[in-house]
């Protein structure tokens, strides 16, 4: 029996346990919260994180560096170039490789465009969450 299940058994019988997520519209699929409710008052909230864990570290252990880049695209669906950049910069440093200035400028442009798109997604989902 897990700690969460044990805690559910020990709770007060006058309260209601409510699962919010991981597919609740306000959480956007990234975590779950176990709420203990007393009427409409939240008495306790236990977050559970890790719903976006993909195991990429273990998967990439037996791959060539170039084959890991498509997997880093999928780590954060809002900012793939940022994840690619982090992996490529660390790999380049490890191998002692220097890239041309033009490639560096293109990387910055792609990361900035992804950052803008990410902020626009936040703005849209936030507007929907507050009732726009």
C-alpha atoms as a PDB file:
ATOM      1  CA  UNK A   1       0.000   0.000   0.000  1.00  0.00           C
ATOM      2  CA  UNK A   2       1.464   3.357  -0.984  1.00  0.00           C
ATOM      3  CA  UNK A   3       1.762   6.333   1.351  1.00  0.00           C
ATOM      4  CA  UNK A   4      -1.019   8.098  -0.559  1.00  0.00           C
ATOM      5  CA  UNK A   5      -3.369   5.103  -0.266  1.00  0.00           C
ATOM      6  CA  UNK A   6      -2.566   4.756   3.426  1.00  0.00           C
ATOM      7  CA  UNK A   7      -3.264   8.454   3.932  1.00  0.00           C
ATOM      8  CA  UNK A   8      -6.609   8.088   2.175  1.00  0.00           C
ATOM      9  CA  UNK A   9      -7.639   5.336   4.594  1.00  0.00           C
ATOM     10  CA  UNK A  10      -6.701   7.403   7.660  1.00  0.00           C
ATOM     11  CA  UNK A  11      -8.588  10.549   6.658  1.00  0.00           C
ATOM     12  CA  UNK A  12     -11.654  11.914   8.368  1.00  0.00           C
ATOM     13  CA  UNK A  13     -14.895  10.305   7.166  1.00  0.00           C
ATOM     14  CA  UNK A  14     -16.695  13.696   7.037  1.00  0.00           C
ATOM     15  CA  UNK A  15     -14.474  14.885   4.218  1.00  0.00           C
ATOM     16  CA  UNK A  16     -14.423  14.041   0.535  1.00  0.00           C
ATOM     17  CA  UNK A  17     -11.322  13.067  -1.432  1.00  0.00           C
ATOM     18  CA  UNK A  18     -11.201  14.588  -4.898  1.00  0.00           C
ATOM     19  CA  UNK A  19      -8.685  13.814  -7.645  1.00  0.00           C
ATOM     20  CA  UNK A  20      -7.811  16.829  -9.773  1.00  0.00           C
ATOM     21  CA  UNK A  21      -5.776  15.750 -12.773  1.00  0.00           C
ATOM     22  CA  UNK A  22      -3.708  14.578 -14.432  1.00  0.00           C
ATOM     23  CA  UNK A  23      -6.215  15.361 -17.163  1.00  0.00           C
ATOM     24  CA  UNK A  24      -7.988  18.259 -15.464  1.00  0.00           C
ATOM     25  CA  UNK A  25      -8.329  21.299 -17.758  1.00  0.00           C
ATOM     26  CA  UNK A  26      -6.601  23.614 -15.283  1.00  0.00           C
ATOM     27  CA  UNK A  27      -3.502  21.410 -14.877  1.00  0.00           C
ATOM     28  CA  UNK A  28      -2.832  21.016 -18.609  1.00  0.00           C
ATOM     29  CA  UNK A  29      -1.824  17.385 -18.080  1.00  0.00           C
ATOM     30  CA  UNK A  30       1.368  17.868 -16.089  1.00  0.00           C
ATOM     31  CA  UNK A  31       0.419  16.865 -12.551  1.00  0.00           C
ATOM     32  CA  UNK A  32      -2.272  15.494 -10.269  1.00  0.00           C
ATOM     33  CA  UNK A  33      -3.496  16.928  -6.969  1.00  0.00           C
ATOM     34  CA  UNK A  34      -5.333  14.832  -4.383  1.00  0.00           C
ATOM     35  CA  UNK A  35      -7.629  17.228  -2.548  1.00  0.00           C
ATOM     36  CA  UNK A  36      -9.303  16.597   0.787  1.00  0.00           C
ATOM     37  CA  UNK A  37     -12.474  18.662   0.800  1.00  0.00           C
ATOM     38  CA  UNK A  38     -14.685  19.677   3.702  1.00  0.00           C
ATOM     39  CA  UNK A  39     -17.682  21.001   1.832  1.00  0.00           C
ATOM     40  CA  UNK A  40     -16.189  23.593  -0.499  1.00  0.00           C
ATOM     41  CA  UNK A  41     -13.101  24.172   1.648  1.00  0.00           C
ATOM     42  CA  UNK A  42      -9.838  22.466   0.692  1.00  0.00           C
ATOM     43  CA  UNK A  43      -8.323  20.973   3.862  1.00  0.00           C
ATOM     44  CA  UNK A  44      -5.249  19.369   2.276  1.00  0.00           C
ATOM     45  CA  UNK A  45      -3.703  19.185  -1.174  1.00  0.00           C
ATOM     46  CA  UNK A  46      -1.137  16.523  -2.107  1.00  0.00           C
ATOM     47  CA  UNK A  47       0.531  17.136  -5.477  1.00  0.00           C
ATOM     48  CA  UNK A  48       1.882  14.253  -7.569  1.00  0.00           C
ATOM     49  CA  UNK A  49       4.356  15.269 -10.243  1.00  0.00           C
ATOM     50  CA  UNK A  50       6.200  13.352 -12.931  1.00  0.00           C
ATOM     51  CA  UNK A  51       3.501  12.796 -15.532  1.00  0.00           C
ATOM     52  CA  UNK A  52       5.758  14.104 -18.316  1.00  0.00           C
ATOM     53  CA  UNK A  53       8.666  11.773 -17.473  1.00  0.00           C
ATOM     54  CA  UNK A  54       9.754   9.991 -20.651  1.00  0.00           C
ATOM     55  CA  UNK A  55      12.875   8.085 -19.608  1.00  0.00           C
ATOM     56  CA  UNK A  56      14.976   9.829 -22.267  1.00  0.00           C
ATOM     57  CA  UNK A  57      18.143   9.473 -20.177  1.00  0.00           C
ATOM     58  CA  UNK A  58      18.000   5.679 -20.260  1.00  0.00           C
ATOM     59  CA  UNK A  59      16.834   5.570 -23.876  1.00  0.00           C
ATOM     60  CA  UNK A  60      19.686   7.774 -25.076  1.00  0.00           C
ATOM     61  CA  UNK A  61      22.441   5.791 -23.336  1.00  0.00           C
ATOM     62  CA  UNK A  62      22.878   3.447 -26.318  1.00  0.00           C
ATOM     63  CA  UNK A  63      22.370   5.990 -29.097  1.00  0.00           C
ATOM     64  CA  UNK A  64      24.752   8.149 -31.063  1.00  0.00           C
ATOM     65  CA  UNK A  65      24.660  11.863 -30.247  1.00  0.00           C
ATOM     66  CA  UNK A  66      22.944  12.717 -33.524  1.00  0.00           C
ATOM     67  CA  UNK A  67      20.139  10.226 -32.788  1.00  0.00           C
ATOM     68  CA  UNK A  68      19.329  11.845 -29.439  1.00  0.00           C
ATOM     69  CA  UNK A  69      18.422  15.226 -30.970  1.00  0.00           C
ATOM     70  CA  UNK A  70      14.948  14.108 -32.213  1.00  0.00           C
ATOM     71  CA  UNK A  71      14.208  12.852 -28.697  1.00  0.00           C
ATOM     72  CA  UNK A  72      15.128  16.193 -27.127  1.00  0.00           C
ATOM     73  CA  UNK A  73      12.485  17.749 -29.389  1.00  0.00           C
ATOM     74  CA  UNK A  74       9.845  15.893 -27.422  1.00  0.00           C
ATOM     75  CA  UNK A  75      10.921  16.866 -23.901  1.00  0.00           C
ATOM     76  CA  UNK A  76       8.973  20.129 -23.891  1.00  0.00           C
ATOM     77  CA  UNK A  77       6.291  20.465 -26.535  1.00  0.00           C
ATOM     78  CA  UNK A  78       6.379  24.270 -26.259  1.00  0.00           C
ATOM     79  CA  UNK A  79      10.118  24.789 -26.725  1.00  0.00           C
ATOM     80  CA  UNK A  80      11.841  22.054 -28.765  1.00  0.00           C
ATOM     81  CA  UNK A  81      14.699  24.301 -30.010  1.00  0.00           C
ATOM     82  CA  UNK A  82      15.639  25.162 -26.425  1.00  0.00           C
ATOM     83  CA  UNK A  83      16.020  21.502 -25.504  1.00  0.00           C
ATOM     84  CA  UNK A  84      17.952  20.802 -28.698  1.00  0.00           C
ATOM     85  CA  UNK A  85      20.229  23.751 -27.977  1.00  0.00           C
ATOM     86  CA  UNK A  86      20.979  22.579 -24.439  1.00  0.00           C
ATOM     87  CA  UNK A  87      21.853  19.088 -25.661  1.00  0.00           C
ATOM     88  CA  UNK A  88      23.903  20.345 -28.625  1.00  0.00           C
ATOM     89  CA  UNK A  89      25.841  22.877 -26.533  1.00  0.00           C
ATOM     90  CA  UNK A  90      26.767  20.237 -23.962  1.00  0.00           C
ATOM     91  CA  UNK A  91      27.733  17.741 -26.679  1.00  0.00           C
ATOM     92  CA  UNK A  92      29.813  20.345 -28.520  1.00  0.00           C
ATOM     93  CA  UNK A  93      31.604  21.271 -25.306  1.00  0.00           C
ATOM     94  CA  UNK A  94      32.234  17.608 -24.546  1.00  0.00           C
ATOM     95  CA  UNK A  95      33.692  17.025 -28.031  1.00  0.00           C
ATOM     96  CA  UNK A  96      35.524  20.361 -28.193  1.00  0.00           C
ATOM     97  CA  UNK A  97      33.654  21.487 -31.324  1.00  0.00           C
ATOM     98  CA  UNK A  98      33.109  25.147 -32.228  1.00  0.00           C
ATOM     99  CA  UNK A  99      30.258  26.142 -34.521  1.00  0.00           C
ATOM    100  CA  UNK A 100      30.212  29.061 -36.993  1.00  0.00           C
ATOM    101  CA  UNK A 101      28.755  32.430 -35.966  1.00  0.00           C
ATOM    102  CA  UNK A 102      25.955  32.079 -38.527  1.00  0.00           C
ATOM    103  CA  UNK A 103      24.809  28.796 -36.962  1.00  0.00           C
ATOM    104  CA  UNK A 104      24.917  30.436 -33.545  1.00  0.00           C
ATOM    105  CA  UNK A 105      22.764  33.329 -34.792  1.00  0.00           C
ATOM    106  CA  UNK A 106      20.234  30.899 -36.308  1.00  0.00           C
ATOM    107  CA  UNK A 107      20.046  29.042 -33.006  1.00  0.00           C
ATOM    108  CA  UNK A 108      19.316  32.255 -31.129  1.00  0.00           C
ATOM    109  CA  UNK A 109      16.589  33.224 -33.626  1.00  0.00           C
ATOM    110  CA  UNK A 110      14.927  29.793 -33.377  1.00  0.00           C
ATOM    111  CA  UNK A 111      15.034  29.827 -29.576  1.00  0.00           C
ATOM    112  CA  UNK A 112      13.574  33.333 -29.417  1.00  0.00           C
ATOM    113  CA  UNK A 113      10.745  32.409 -31.809  1.00  0.00           C
ATOM    114  CA  UNK A 114       9.986  29.325 -29.710  1.00  0.00           C
ATOM    115  CA  UNK A 115      10.018  31.455 -26.549  1.00  0.00           C
ATOM    116  CA  UNK A 116       7.519  33.883 -28.098  1.00  0.00           C
ATOM    117  CA  UNK A 117       5.298  30.992 -29.210  1.00  0.00           C
ATOM    118  CA  UNK A 118       5.502  29.476 -25.722  1.00  0.00           C
ATOM    119  CA  UNK A 119       4.407  32.757 -24.145  1.00  0.00           C
ATOM    120  CA  UNK A 120       1.510  33.021 -26.589  1.00  0.00           C
ATOM    121  CA  UNK A 121       0.374  29.499 -25.679  1.00  0.00           C
ATOM    122  CA  UNK A 122       0.512  30.486 -22.002  1.00  0.00           C
ATOM    123  CA  UNK A 123      -1.485  33.631 -22.737  1.00  0.00           C
ATOM    124  CA  UNK A 124      -4.136  31.660 -24.618  1.00  0.00           C
ATOM    125  CA  UNK A 125      -4.508  28.925 -22.000  1.00  0.00           C
ATOM    126  CA  UNK A 126      -4.522  31.481 -19.189  1.00  0.00           C
ATOM    127  CA  UNK A 127      -7.247  33.460 -20.947  1.00  0.00           C
ATOM    128  CA  UNK A 128      -9.319  30.280 -21.298  1.00  0.00           C
ATOM    129  CA  UNK A 129      -8.739  29.387 -17.640  1.00  0.00           C
ATOM    130  CA  UNK A 130     -10.046  32.758 -16.442  1.00  0.00           C
ATOM    131  CA  UNK A 131     -13.083  32.578 -18.692  1.00  0.00           C
ATOM    132  CA  UNK A 132     -12.263  34.535 -21.834  1.00  0.00           C
END
